[in-house]
N, C-alpha and C. Protein backbone atom coordinates (compact mmCIF):
# COMPACT_ATOMS: atom_id res chain seq x y z
N MET A 1 -11.00 -18.31 -33.54
CA MET A 1 -10.38 -17.78 -32.34
C MET A 1 -10.16 -16.27 -32.53
N THR A 2 -10.63 -15.50 -31.56
CA THR A 2 -10.51 -14.06 -31.61
C THR A 2 -9.45 -13.61 -30.61
N VAL A 3 -8.55 -12.79 -31.07
CA VAL A 3 -7.52 -12.25 -30.20
C VAL A 3 -7.84 -10.78 -29.95
N VAL A 4 -7.96 -10.44 -28.66
CA VAL A 4 -8.25 -9.06 -28.28
C VAL A 4 -6.99 -8.45 -27.70
N THR A 5 -6.61 -7.33 -28.23
CA THR A 5 -5.42 -6.63 -27.75
C THR A 5 -5.83 -5.29 -27.18
N HIS A 6 -5.30 -4.98 -26.02
CA HIS A 6 -5.57 -3.70 -25.37
C HIS A 6 -4.28 -2.89 -25.34
N PHE A 7 -4.38 -1.64 -25.65
CA PHE A 7 -3.24 -0.74 -25.59
C PHE A 7 -3.56 0.40 -24.63
N ALA A 8 -2.61 0.72 -23.80
CA ALA A 8 -2.78 1.84 -22.88
C ALA A 8 -2.70 3.14 -23.67
N LEU A 9 -3.59 4.05 -23.37
CA LEU A 9 -3.57 5.35 -24.05
C LEU A 9 -2.49 6.26 -23.50
N ALA A 10 -2.06 5.99 -22.29
CA ALA A 10 -1.01 6.80 -21.68
C ALA A 10 -0.26 5.93 -20.67
N ARG A 11 0.95 6.32 -20.38
CA ARG A 11 1.70 5.59 -19.36
C ARG A 11 1.05 5.80 -18.01
N PRO A 12 1.10 4.80 -17.13
CA PRO A 12 0.51 4.99 -15.80
C PRO A 12 1.28 6.06 -15.04
N TYR A 13 0.56 6.81 -14.24
CA TYR A 13 1.16 7.87 -13.44
C TYR A 13 1.91 7.23 -12.28
N ARG A 14 3.20 7.49 -12.20
CA ARG A 14 4.03 6.97 -11.13
C ARG A 14 4.92 8.08 -10.61
N LEU A 15 5.39 7.91 -9.40
CA LEU A 15 6.27 8.88 -8.76
C LEU A 15 7.68 8.31 -8.65
N SER A 16 8.67 9.13 -8.98
CA SER A 16 10.06 8.72 -8.77
C SER A 16 10.35 8.72 -7.27
N LEU A 17 11.49 8.19 -6.90
CA LEU A 17 11.87 8.15 -5.49
C LEU A 17 11.90 9.55 -4.89
N ASP A 18 12.54 10.47 -5.57
CA ASP A 18 12.64 11.83 -5.03
C ASP A 18 11.28 12.53 -4.95
N SER A 19 10.46 12.38 -5.99
CA SER A 19 9.15 13.04 -5.95
C SER A 19 8.24 12.39 -4.91
N TYR A 20 8.35 11.07 -4.76
CA TYR A 20 7.56 10.37 -3.74
C TYR A 20 7.97 10.86 -2.34
N ALA A 21 9.28 10.93 -2.10
CA ALA A 21 9.76 11.37 -0.78
C ALA A 21 9.31 12.80 -0.50
N GLN A 22 9.33 13.64 -1.52
CA GLN A 22 8.90 15.03 -1.32
C GLN A 22 7.41 15.11 -1.01
N VAL A 23 6.60 14.36 -1.75
CA VAL A 23 5.15 14.38 -1.51
C VAL A 23 4.83 13.80 -0.13
N ALA A 24 5.54 12.74 0.25
CA ALA A 24 5.27 12.08 1.54
C ALA A 24 5.90 12.84 2.70
N GLY A 25 6.80 13.78 2.41
CA GLY A 25 7.40 14.57 3.48
C GLY A 25 8.47 13.83 4.26
N VAL A 26 9.19 12.92 3.60
CA VAL A 26 10.24 12.15 4.27
C VAL A 26 11.50 12.19 3.41
N HIS A 27 12.60 11.72 3.97
CA HIS A 27 13.88 11.68 3.27
C HIS A 27 13.93 10.44 2.35
N PRO A 28 14.52 10.56 1.18
CA PRO A 28 14.61 9.41 0.27
C PRO A 28 15.30 8.18 0.88
N ASP A 29 16.30 8.39 1.75
CA ASP A 29 16.94 7.25 2.40
C ASP A 29 15.97 6.49 3.29
N PHE A 30 15.09 7.21 3.95
CA PHE A 30 14.06 6.58 4.78
C PHE A 30 13.12 5.73 3.90
N VAL A 31 12.77 6.26 2.74
CA VAL A 31 11.91 5.52 1.81
C VAL A 31 12.61 4.24 1.38
N ARG A 32 13.90 4.32 1.07
CA ARG A 32 14.66 3.13 0.67
C ARG A 32 14.64 2.07 1.77
N ARG A 33 14.74 2.50 3.02
CA ARG A 33 14.70 1.54 4.15
C ARG A 33 13.35 0.84 4.22
N LEU A 34 12.28 1.61 4.04
CA LEU A 34 10.95 0.99 4.09
C LEU A 34 10.74 0.03 2.93
N VAL A 35 11.29 0.36 1.78
CA VAL A 35 11.21 -0.55 0.63
C VAL A 35 11.97 -1.83 0.94
N ALA A 36 13.16 -1.71 1.53
CA ALA A 36 13.96 -2.88 1.89
C ALA A 36 13.24 -3.77 2.90
N LEU A 37 12.45 -3.16 3.79
CA LEU A 37 11.68 -3.93 4.77
C LEU A 37 10.40 -4.52 4.19
N GLY A 38 10.06 -4.11 2.96
CA GLY A 38 8.86 -4.63 2.31
C GLY A 38 7.59 -3.91 2.73
N LEU A 39 7.72 -2.72 3.32
CA LEU A 39 6.55 -1.99 3.78
C LEU A 39 5.90 -1.16 2.68
N LEU A 40 6.63 -0.89 1.61
CA LEU A 40 6.09 -0.13 0.48
C LEU A 40 6.22 -0.94 -0.80
N ASP A 41 5.20 -0.87 -1.63
CA ASP A 41 5.23 -1.55 -2.93
C ASP A 41 5.85 -0.62 -3.95
N VAL A 42 6.81 -1.14 -4.70
CA VAL A 42 7.48 -0.33 -5.72
C VAL A 42 7.62 -1.14 -6.99
N ALA A 43 7.86 -0.43 -8.06
CA ALA A 43 8.23 -1.05 -9.33
C ALA A 43 9.63 -0.56 -9.65
N ARG A 44 10.42 -1.39 -10.27
CA ARG A 44 11.77 -0.99 -10.68
C ARG A 44 11.85 -1.01 -12.19
N ASP A 45 12.53 -0.03 -12.74
CA ASP A 45 12.72 -0.01 -14.18
C ASP A 45 14.01 -0.76 -14.53
N ALA A 46 14.38 -0.76 -15.80
CA ALA A 46 15.55 -1.50 -16.26
C ALA A 46 16.84 -1.01 -15.60
N GLN A 47 16.89 0.25 -15.22
CA GLN A 47 18.07 0.80 -14.56
C GLN A 47 18.05 0.59 -13.05
N GLY A 48 17.00 0.00 -12.52
CA GLY A 48 16.89 -0.26 -11.09
C GLY A 48 16.31 0.88 -10.28
N ARG A 49 15.84 1.93 -10.95
CA ARG A 49 15.23 3.05 -10.24
C ARG A 49 13.88 2.64 -9.67
N LEU A 50 13.55 3.24 -8.54
CA LEU A 50 12.27 2.96 -7.86
C LEU A 50 11.18 3.87 -8.41
N TRP A 51 10.00 3.29 -8.62
CA TRP A 51 8.82 4.04 -9.05
C TRP A 51 7.66 3.64 -8.15
N PHE A 52 6.93 4.65 -7.69
CA PHE A 52 5.85 4.43 -6.72
C PHE A 52 4.50 4.78 -7.32
N ASP A 53 3.52 3.95 -7.01
CA ASP A 53 2.14 4.25 -7.35
C ASP A 53 1.68 5.34 -6.38
N PRO A 54 0.86 6.29 -6.82
CA PRO A 54 0.40 7.35 -5.92
C PRO A 54 -0.30 6.83 -4.66
N SER A 55 -0.87 5.64 -4.70
CA SER A 55 -1.54 5.07 -3.52
C SER A 55 -0.55 4.82 -2.39
N GLN A 56 0.73 4.73 -2.70
CA GLN A 56 1.73 4.48 -1.67
C GLN A 56 1.95 5.69 -0.77
N VAL A 57 1.50 6.86 -1.18
CA VAL A 57 1.57 8.03 -0.31
C VAL A 57 0.66 7.81 0.89
N ARG A 58 -0.51 7.26 0.64
CA ARG A 58 -1.45 6.93 1.73
C ARG A 58 -0.85 5.85 2.63
N GLU A 59 -0.14 4.89 2.03
CA GLU A 59 0.49 3.83 2.82
C GLU A 59 1.58 4.39 3.73
N MET A 60 2.33 5.37 3.24
CA MET A 60 3.36 6.02 4.07
C MET A 60 2.71 6.71 5.26
N ALA A 61 1.60 7.38 5.04
CA ALA A 61 0.90 8.04 6.14
C ALA A 61 0.43 7.01 7.16
N ARG A 62 -0.04 5.89 6.68
CA ARG A 62 -0.50 4.82 7.57
C ARG A 62 0.67 4.30 8.41
N ILE A 63 1.81 4.08 7.79
CA ILE A 63 3.00 3.60 8.50
C ILE A 63 3.41 4.60 9.57
N GLN A 64 3.42 5.87 9.22
CA GLN A 64 3.81 6.89 10.19
C GLN A 64 2.82 7.00 11.34
N ARG A 65 1.52 6.86 11.04
CA ARG A 65 0.51 6.89 12.13
C ARG A 65 0.72 5.73 13.08
N LEU A 66 0.96 4.53 12.55
CA LEU A 66 1.18 3.37 13.42
C LEU A 66 2.43 3.55 14.26
N ARG A 67 3.46 4.07 13.67
CA ARG A 67 4.72 4.29 14.39
C ARG A 67 4.53 5.28 15.53
N MET A 68 3.82 6.37 15.25
CA MET A 68 3.65 7.42 16.27
C MET A 68 2.66 7.00 17.36
N SER A 69 1.56 6.37 16.97
CA SER A 69 0.52 6.08 17.97
C SER A 69 0.82 4.83 18.79
N LEU A 70 1.46 3.83 18.19
CA LEU A 70 1.70 2.57 18.91
C LEU A 70 3.16 2.39 19.31
N ASN A 71 4.04 3.29 18.85
CA ASN A 71 5.47 3.22 19.16
C ASN A 71 6.05 1.85 18.80
N LEU A 72 5.72 1.37 17.60
CA LEU A 72 6.21 0.08 17.12
C LEU A 72 7.47 0.25 16.30
N SER A 73 8.27 -0.80 16.24
CA SER A 73 9.41 -0.79 15.33
C SER A 73 8.86 -0.95 13.91
N TYR A 74 9.68 -0.60 12.94
CA TYR A 74 9.21 -0.69 11.56
C TYR A 74 9.00 -2.14 11.14
N CYS A 75 9.76 -3.07 11.71
CA CYS A 75 9.53 -4.49 11.41
C CYS A 75 8.17 -4.93 11.96
N ALA A 76 7.83 -4.49 13.16
CA ALA A 76 6.53 -4.83 13.75
C ALA A 76 5.39 -4.19 12.98
N ILE A 77 5.63 -3.02 12.43
CA ILE A 77 4.59 -2.34 11.65
C ILE A 77 4.19 -3.19 10.45
N GLY A 78 5.15 -3.88 9.85
CA GLY A 78 4.83 -4.77 8.73
C GLY A 78 3.80 -5.82 9.12
N LEU A 79 3.97 -6.42 10.29
CA LEU A 79 3.02 -7.42 10.78
C LEU A 79 1.67 -6.79 11.06
N VAL A 80 1.65 -5.63 11.70
CA VAL A 80 0.40 -4.95 12.03
C VAL A 80 -0.36 -4.57 10.76
N VAL A 81 0.36 -4.07 9.75
CA VAL A 81 -0.27 -3.70 8.48
C VAL A 81 -0.90 -4.92 7.82
N GLU A 82 -0.19 -6.05 7.83
CA GLU A 82 -0.74 -7.27 7.25
C GLU A 82 -2.00 -7.70 7.98
N LEU A 83 -1.99 -7.63 9.30
CA LEU A 83 -3.16 -8.02 10.09
C LEU A 83 -4.34 -7.08 9.84
N LEU A 84 -4.07 -5.77 9.78
CA LEU A 84 -5.15 -4.82 9.50
C LEU A 84 -5.75 -5.03 8.11
N ASP A 85 -4.89 -5.32 7.13
CA ASP A 85 -5.39 -5.60 5.78
C ASP A 85 -6.24 -6.87 5.76
N ARG A 86 -5.82 -7.87 6.50
CA ARG A 86 -6.58 -9.13 6.56
C ARG A 86 -7.94 -8.90 7.25
N ILE A 87 -7.95 -8.13 8.31
CA ILE A 87 -9.22 -7.82 9.00
C ILE A 87 -10.17 -7.09 8.06
N ALA A 88 -9.64 -6.10 7.33
CA ALA A 88 -10.48 -5.35 6.39
C ALA A 88 -11.03 -6.27 5.30
N GLU A 89 -10.20 -7.19 4.83
CA GLU A 89 -10.66 -8.15 3.81
C GLU A 89 -11.78 -9.05 4.35
N LEU A 90 -11.64 -9.52 5.57
CA LEU A 90 -12.67 -10.37 6.18
C LEU A 90 -13.96 -9.58 6.41
N GLU A 91 -13.85 -8.32 6.81
CA GLU A 91 -15.04 -7.50 7.01
C GLU A 91 -15.76 -7.25 5.69
N ARG A 92 -15.01 -7.02 4.62
CA ARG A 92 -15.65 -6.85 3.30
C ARG A 92 -16.37 -8.13 2.87
N ALA A 93 -15.74 -9.26 3.11
CA ALA A 93 -16.36 -10.54 2.76
C ALA A 93 -17.62 -10.77 3.58
N GLN A 94 -17.60 -10.40 4.84
CA GLN A 94 -18.77 -10.57 5.70
C GLN A 94 -19.92 -9.69 5.24
N ARG A 95 -19.61 -8.46 4.81
CA ARG A 95 -20.67 -7.56 4.34
C ARG A 95 -21.33 -8.07 3.07
N ARG A 96 -20.57 -8.78 2.24
CA ARG A 96 -21.12 -9.31 0.99
C ARG A 96 -22.01 -10.54 1.22
N MET A 97 -21.83 -11.20 2.35
CA MET A 97 -22.61 -12.41 2.63
C MET A 97 -24.01 -12.03 3.07
N PRO A 98 -25.01 -12.81 2.63
CA PRO A 98 -26.38 -12.54 3.10
C PRO A 98 -26.50 -12.84 4.59
N ARG A 99 -27.27 -12.01 5.27
CA ARG A 99 -27.45 -12.17 6.71
C ARG A 99 -28.53 -13.20 7.00
N ARG A 100 -28.30 -13.96 8.05
CA ARG A 100 -29.30 -14.91 8.53
C ARG A 100 -29.93 -14.35 9.79
N GLY A 101 -31.19 -14.45 9.93
CA GLY A 101 -31.86 -13.97 11.11
C GLY A 101 -32.20 -12.51 11.11
N GLY A 102 -31.67 -11.78 10.14
CA GLY A 102 -32.05 -10.38 9.97
C GLY A 102 -31.32 -9.37 10.83
N ALA A 103 -31.03 -9.69 12.09
CA ALA A 103 -30.43 -8.70 12.98
C ALA A 103 -28.90 -8.83 12.97
N PRO A 104 -28.21 -7.69 12.93
CA PRO A 104 -26.74 -7.76 13.00
C PRO A 104 -26.27 -8.18 14.38
N TRP A 105 -25.09 -8.69 14.49
CA TRP A 105 -24.58 -9.17 15.76
C TRP A 105 -24.19 -8.05 16.71
N THR A 106 -24.06 -6.83 16.19
CA THR A 106 -23.67 -5.73 17.09
C THR A 106 -24.86 -4.98 17.59
């Protein structure tokens, strides 16, 4: 039996609550509200501090675009984001499937 161990060469790059809010251009209290609603993915350390993956900056922009363009509540945005993610997943799965008949449906 062979045991393979992997060690990270460096800690993953993460943003603190304050640095995330500054990069995203919003107030830290607003970020806390979105975290409480489950709209942003965070990691918590042993002291309970919030840490954000840099990809969450893009997610904040997406939330703000949906809010501004569709005038949705933040609770409704959660549902819309889930549906958009599911649609994107289905489209990726469809592209991976071999086509029958050769011609696309569009």
